[in-house]
């Protein structure tokens, strides 16, 4: 009976140890998976944020370039109109002077 009880105790200890080891391994695997999930999630979030930042930066840069282009174009147009106005005025003035001179 002593030997049988000893064998039962040993079997019980081995089983318990096996269950504990299994539980620890499972817990460890779950932790690793969870950690991997968190890391993956963080990487994805970081990539999304970086991508969004780059896209935003590009859009802002493009917007600045377009705005600068429009402003430059407006300034050039205004300059051309002003010059044309000055030239027209000079031509009219010269014409008036010439006419007056002839008269």
N, C-alpha and C. Protein backbone atom coordinates (compact mmCIF):
# COMPACT_ATOMS: atom_id res chain seq x y z
N UNK A 1 0.84 -1.19 0.00
CA UNK A 1 0.00 0.00 0.00
C UNK A 1 0.88 1.25 0.00
N UNK A 2 1.98 1.18 0.76
CA UNK A 2 2.90 2.32 0.81
C UNK A 2 3.45 2.63 -0.56
N UNK A 3 3.82 1.58 -1.28
CA UNK A 3 4.38 1.78 -2.62
C UNK A 3 3.31 2.34 -3.56
N UNK A 4 2.14 1.83 -3.41
CA UNK A 4 1.04 2.29 -4.27
C UNK A 4 0.75 3.75 -4.00
N UNK A 5 0.70 4.09 -2.71
CA UNK A 5 0.45 5.49 -2.36
C UNK A 5 1.58 6.36 -2.89
N UNK A 6 2.79 5.89 -2.78
CA UNK A 6 3.95 6.64 -3.28
C UNK A 6 3.83 6.85 -4.77
N UNK A 7 3.45 5.81 -5.47
CA UNK A 7 3.30 5.91 -6.93
C UNK A 7 2.20 6.90 -7.28
N UNK A 8 1.11 6.85 -6.53
CA UNK A 8 0.01 7.78 -6.77
C UNK A 8 0.45 9.22 -6.53
N UNK A 9 1.18 9.42 -5.46
CA UNK A 9 1.66 10.76 -5.13
C UNK A 9 2.59 11.24 -6.23
N UNK A 10 3.51 10.36 -6.67
CA UNK A 10 4.46 10.73 -7.73
C UNK A 10 3.71 11.09 -9.00
N UNK A 11 2.73 10.26 -9.35
CA UNK A 11 1.95 10.50 -10.56
C UNK A 11 1.22 11.83 -10.43
N UNK A 12 0.70 12.08 -9.24
CA UNK A 12 -0.03 13.31 -9.00
C UNK A 12 0.90 14.52 -9.13
N UNK A 13 2.09 14.40 -8.58
CA UNK A 13 3.07 15.49 -8.63
C UNK A 13 3.47 15.75 -10.08
N UNK A 14 3.71 14.67 -10.83
CA UNK A 14 4.10 14.81 -12.24
C UNK A 14 2.98 15.48 -13.02
N UNK A 15 1.76 15.01 -12.78
CA UNK A 15 0.60 15.59 -13.48
C UNK A 15 0.47 17.07 -13.15
N UNK A 16 0.56 17.39 -11.86
CA UNK A 16 0.45 18.79 -11.42
C UNK A 16 1.55 19.61 -12.07
N UNK A 17 2.77 19.07 -12.02
CA UNK A 17 3.91 19.78 -12.62
C UNK A 17 3.66 19.99 -14.11
N UNK A 18 3.12 18.98 -14.76
CA UNK A 18 2.83 19.06 -16.19
C UNK A 18 1.79 20.13 -16.48
N UNK A 19 0.74 20.15 -15.65
CA UNK A 19 -0.33 21.14 -15.81
C UNK A 19 0.22 22.54 -15.59
N UNK A 20 1.02 22.69 -14.53
CA UNK A 20 1.60 24.00 -14.22
C UNK A 20 2.50 24.44 -15.36
N UNK A 21 3.36 23.52 -15.82
CA UNK A 21 4.26 23.85 -16.93
C UNK A 21 3.46 24.24 -18.15
N UNK A 22 2.43 23.45 -18.43
CA UNK A 22 1.57 23.73 -19.58
C UNK A 22 0.91 25.10 -19.45
N UNK A 23 0.43 25.37 -18.24
CA UNK A 23 -0.24 26.66 -17.99
C UNK A 23 0.75 27.80 -18.15
N UNK A 24 1.96 27.61 -17.63
CA UNK A 24 3.00 28.65 -17.72
C UNK A 24 3.36 28.87 -19.18
N UNK A 25 3.53 27.78 -19.91
CA UNK A 25 3.87 27.89 -21.34
C UNK A 25 2.74 28.61 -22.08
N UNK A 26 1.51 28.17 -21.80
CA UNK A 26 0.35 28.80 -22.45
C UNK A 26 0.29 30.28 -22.12
N UNK A 27 0.45 30.60 -20.84
CA UNK A 27 0.43 31.99 -20.41
C UNK A 27 1.54 32.77 -21.10
N UNK A 28 2.70 32.15 -21.18
CA UNK A 28 3.85 32.79 -21.82
C UNK A 28 3.58 33.04 -23.30
N UNK A 29 2.99 32.05 -23.96
CA UNK A 29 2.66 32.17 -25.38
C UNK A 29 1.63 33.27 -25.58
N UNK A 30 0.62 33.28 -24.71
CA UNK A 30 -0.41 34.32 -24.79
C UNK A 30 0.23 35.69 -24.61
N UNK A 31 1.14 35.79 -23.63
CA UNK A 31 1.83 37.06 -23.38
C UNK A 31 2.63 37.47 -24.61
N UNK A 32 3.34 36.53 -25.20
CA UNK A 32 4.15 36.81 -26.39
C UNK A 32 3.25 37.25 -27.53
N UNK A 33 2.15 36.53 -27.71
CA UNK A 33 1.19 36.87 -28.78
C UNK A 33 0.63 38.26 -28.53
N UNK A 34 0.24 38.51 -27.28
CA UNK A 34 -0.31 39.82 -26.92
C UNK A 34 0.72 40.90 -27.18
N UNK A 35 1.95 40.65 -26.74
CA UNK A 35 3.04 41.61 -26.96
C UNK A 35 3.24 41.85 -28.44
N UNK A 36 3.25 40.76 -29.21
CA UNK A 36 3.42 40.88 -30.66
C UNK A 36 2.29 41.70 -31.25
N UNK A 37 1.08 41.46 -30.74
CA UNK A 37 -0.09 42.19 -31.21
C UNK A 37 0.05 43.67 -30.91
N UNK A 38 0.48 43.97 -29.69
CA UNK A 38 0.66 45.37 -29.27
C UNK A 38 1.74 46.03 -30.11
N UNK A 39 2.85 45.34 -30.32
CA UNK A 39 3.95 45.87 -31.12
C UNK A 39 3.46 46.11 -32.55
N UNK A 40 2.77 45.12 -33.11
CA UNK A 40 2.25 45.26 -34.48
C UNK A 40 1.31 46.45 -34.56
N UNK A 41 0.43 46.54 -33.57
CA UNK A 41 -0.52 47.64 -33.53
C UNK A 41 0.22 48.98 -33.46
N UNK A 42 1.25 49.04 -32.61
CA UNK A 42 2.02 50.27 -32.46
C UNK A 42 2.73 50.62 -33.75
N UNK A 43 3.28 49.62 -34.40
CA UNK A 43 3.98 49.84 -35.67
C UNK A 43 3.00 50.35 -36.72
N UNK A 44 1.83 49.71 -36.77
CA UNK A 44 0.80 50.13 -37.74
C UNK A 44 0.38 51.56 -37.46
N UNK A 45 0.13 51.87 -36.19
CA UNK A 45 -0.28 53.23 -35.81
C UNK A 45 0.82 54.22 -36.18
N UNK A 46 2.07 53.85 -35.86
CA UNK A 46 3.20 54.72 -36.18
C UNK A 46 3.29 54.95 -37.68
N UNK A 47 3.11 53.87 -38.45
CA UNK A 47 3.17 54.00 -39.91
C UNK A 47 2.05 54.89 -40.43
N UNK A 48 0.86 54.69 -39.87
CA UNK A 48 -0.29 55.51 -40.29
C UNK A 48 -0.04 56.97 -39.96
N UNK A 49 0.47 57.21 -38.77
CA UNK A 49 0.75 58.60 -38.34
C UNK A 49 1.82 59.21 -39.23
N UNK A 50 2.90 58.45 -39.47
CA UNK A 50 3.99 58.96 -40.33
C UNK A 50 3.47 59.22 -41.73
N UNK A 51 2.71 58.25 -42.26
CA UNK A 51 2.15 58.40 -43.61
C UNK A 51 1.25 59.64 -43.67
N UNK A 52 0.38 59.77 -42.67
CA UNK A 52 -0.52 60.92 -42.61
C UNK A 52 0.28 62.21 -42.55
N UNK A 53 1.35 62.19 -41.77
CA UNK A 53 2.20 63.36 -41.62
C UNK A 53 2.86 63.72 -42.95
N UNK A 54 3.36 62.72 -43.64
CA UNK A 54 4.02 62.94 -44.94
C UNK A 54 3.01 63.45 -45.95
N UNK A 55 1.83 62.83 -45.98
CA UNK A 55 0.78 63.26 -46.92
C UNK A 55 0.37 64.70 -46.61
N UNK A 56 0.14 64.98 -45.33
CA UNK A 56 -0.24 66.33 -44.92
C UNK A 56 0.84 67.32 -45.33
N UNK A 57 2.08 66.95 -45.06
CA UNK A 57 3.22 67.81 -45.41
C UNK A 57 3.25 68.06 -46.91
N UNK A 58 3.02 67.00 -47.68
CA UNK A 58 3.02 67.13 -49.14
C UNK A 58 1.90 68.03 -49.61
N UNK A 59 0.72 67.85 -49.00
CA UNK A 59 -0.45 68.66 -49.38
C UNK A 59 -0.18 70.12 -49.04
N UNK A 60 0.37 70.36 -47.85
CA UNK A 60 0.69 71.73 -47.43
C UNK A 60 1.72 72.32 -48.38
N UNK A 61 2.76 71.54 -48.70
CA UNK A 61 3.80 72.02 -49.61
C UNK A 61 3.21 72.35 -50.97
N UNK A 62 2.36 71.46 -51.47
CA UNK A 62 1.71 71.68 -52.76
C UNK A 62 0.84 72.92 -52.71
N UNK A 63 0.12 73.08 -51.60
CA UNK A 63 -0.75 74.23 -51.42
C UNK A 63 0.05 75.52 -51.42
N UNK A 64 1.20 75.50 -50.73
CA UNK A 64 2.07 76.68 -50.67
C UNK A 64 2.58 77.02 -52.06
N UNK A 65 3.00 75.99 -52.80
CA UNK A 65 3.51 76.20 -54.16
C UNK A 65 2.42 76.78 -55.05
N UNK A 66 1.22 76.18 -54.97
CA UNK A 66 0.10 76.65 -55.80
C UNK A 66 -0.26 78.09 -55.42
N UNK A 67 -0.32 78.36 -54.12
CA UNK A 67 -0.64 79.72 -53.65
C UNK A 67 0.41 80.70 -54.15
N UNK A 68 1.69 80.33 -54.00
CA UNK A 68 2.78 81.19 -54.46
C UNK A 68 2.65 81.43 -55.95
N UNK A 69 2.29 80.38 -56.68
CA UNK A 69 2.14 80.48 -58.13
C UNK A 69 1.00 81.45 -58.49
N UNK A 70 -0.12 81.31 -57.77
CA UNK A 70 -1.29 82.17 -58.02
C UNK A 70 -0.94 83.61 -57.68
N UNK A 71 -0.28 83.81 -56.55
CA UNK A 71 0.10 85.17 -56.13
C UNK A 71 1.04 85.77 -57.16
N UNK A 72 2.05 84.99 -57.57
CA UNK A 72 3.01 85.48 -58.58
C UNK A 72 2.28 85.84 -59.86
N UNK A 73 1.36 84.94 -60.28
CA UNK A 73 0.59 85.18 -61.48
C UNK A 73 -0.22 86.46 -61.36
N UNK A 74 -0.84 86.67 -60.20
CA UNK A 74 -1.64 87.87 -59.97
C UNK A 74 -0.77 89.12 -60.03
N UNK A 75 0.40 89.03 -59.43
CA UNK A 75 1.32 90.17 -59.42
C UNK A 75 1.76 90.48 -60.84
N UNK A 76 2.09 89.44 -61.60
CA UNK A 76 2.51 89.61 -62.99
C UNK A 76 1.37 90.23 -63.80
N UNK A 77 0.16 89.69 -63.61
CA UNK A 77 -1.01 90.23 -64.32
C UNK A 77 -1.24 91.70 -63.98
N UNK A 78 -1.16 92.01 -62.70
CA UNK A 78 -1.35 93.39 -62.25
C UNK A 78 -0.28 94.29 -62.87
N UNK A 79 0.94 93.77 -62.91
CA UNK A 79 2.06 94.53 -63.47
C UNK A 79 1.84 94.79 -64.95
N UNK A 80 1.37 93.78 -65.66
CA UNK A 80 1.11 93.90 -67.10
C UNK A 80 0.01 94.92 -67.34
N UNK A 81 -1.06 94.85 -66.55
CA UNK A 81 -2.19 95.79 -66.69
C UNK A 81 -1.71 97.20 -66.41
N UNK A 82 -0.93 97.36 -65.33
CA UNK A 82 -0.41 98.70 -64.98
C UNK A 82 0.47 99.23 -66.11
N UNK A 83 1.37 98.39 -66.61
CA UNK A 83 2.26 98.80 -67.70
C UNK A 83 1.45 99.19 -68.93
N UNK A 84 0.45 98.37 -69.26
CA UNK A 84 -0.40 98.65 -70.41
C UNK A 84 -1.12 99.97 -70.22
N UNK A 85 -1.56 100.23 -68.99
CA UNK A 85 -2.25 101.46 -68.67
C UNK A 85 -1.32 102.65 -68.86
N UNK A 86 -0.10 102.52 -68.37
CA UNK A 86 0.89 103.59 -68.47
C UNK A 86 1.22 103.84 -69.94
N UNK A 87 1.43 102.77 -70.71
CA UNK A 87 1.74 102.89 -72.13
C UNK A 87 0.59 103.56 -72.86
N UNK A 88 -0.64 103.12 -72.59
CA UNK A 88 -1.83 103.70 -73.24
C UNK A 88 -1.92 105.17 -72.90
N UNK A 89 -1.73 105.50 -71.62
CA UNK A 89 -1.80 106.88 -71.17
C UNK A 89 -0.74 107.72 -71.89
N UNK A 90 0.46 107.18 -72.03
CA UNK A 90 1.55 107.91 -72.70
C UNK A 90 1.22 108.13 -74.17
N UNK A 91 0.67 107.10 -74.81
CA UNK A 91 0.30 107.20 -76.22
C UNK A 91 -0.77 108.27 -76.41
N UNK A 92 -1.79 108.24 -75.51
CA UNK A 92 -2.88 109.23 -75.57
C UNK A 92 -2.31 110.62 -75.36
N UNK A 93 -1.44 110.75 -74.36
CA UNK A 93 -0.84 112.06 -74.06
C UNK A 93 -0.02 112.55 -75.25
N UNK A 94 0.76 111.68 -75.85
CA UNK A 94 1.58 112.05 -77.02
C UNK A 94 0.68 112.46 -78.17
N UNK A 95 -0.41 111.74 -78.32
CA UNK A 95 -1.35 112.03 -79.39
C UNK A 95 -1.98 113.40 -79.19
N UNK A 96 -2.36 113.67 -77.94
CA UNK A 96 -2.98 114.98 -77.61
C UNK A 96 -1.98 116.09 -77.88
N UNK A 97 -0.72 115.89 -77.43
CA UNK A 97 0.33 116.89 -77.61
C UNK A 97 0.57 117.13 -79.10
N UNK A 98 0.66 116.04 -79.86
CA UNK A 98 0.88 116.15 -81.30
C UNK A 98 -0.25 116.90 -81.97
N UNK A 99 -1.48 116.54 -81.61
CA UNK A 99 -2.65 117.18 -82.18
C UNK A 99 -2.66 118.67 -81.85
N UNK A 100 -2.36 118.98 -80.60
CA UNK A 100 -2.33 120.37 -80.15
C UNK A 100 -1.25 121.13 -80.91
N UNK A 101 -0.14 120.47 -81.12
CA UNK A 101 0.98 121.09 -81.82
C UNK A 101 0.61 121.40 -83.26
N UNK A 102 -0.08 120.46 -83.89
CA UNK A 102 -0.49 120.62 -85.29
C UNK A 102 -1.49 121.76 -85.37
N UNK A 103 -2.41 121.80 -84.39
CA UNK A 103 -3.44 122.84 -84.39
C UNK A 103 -2.79 124.19 -84.11
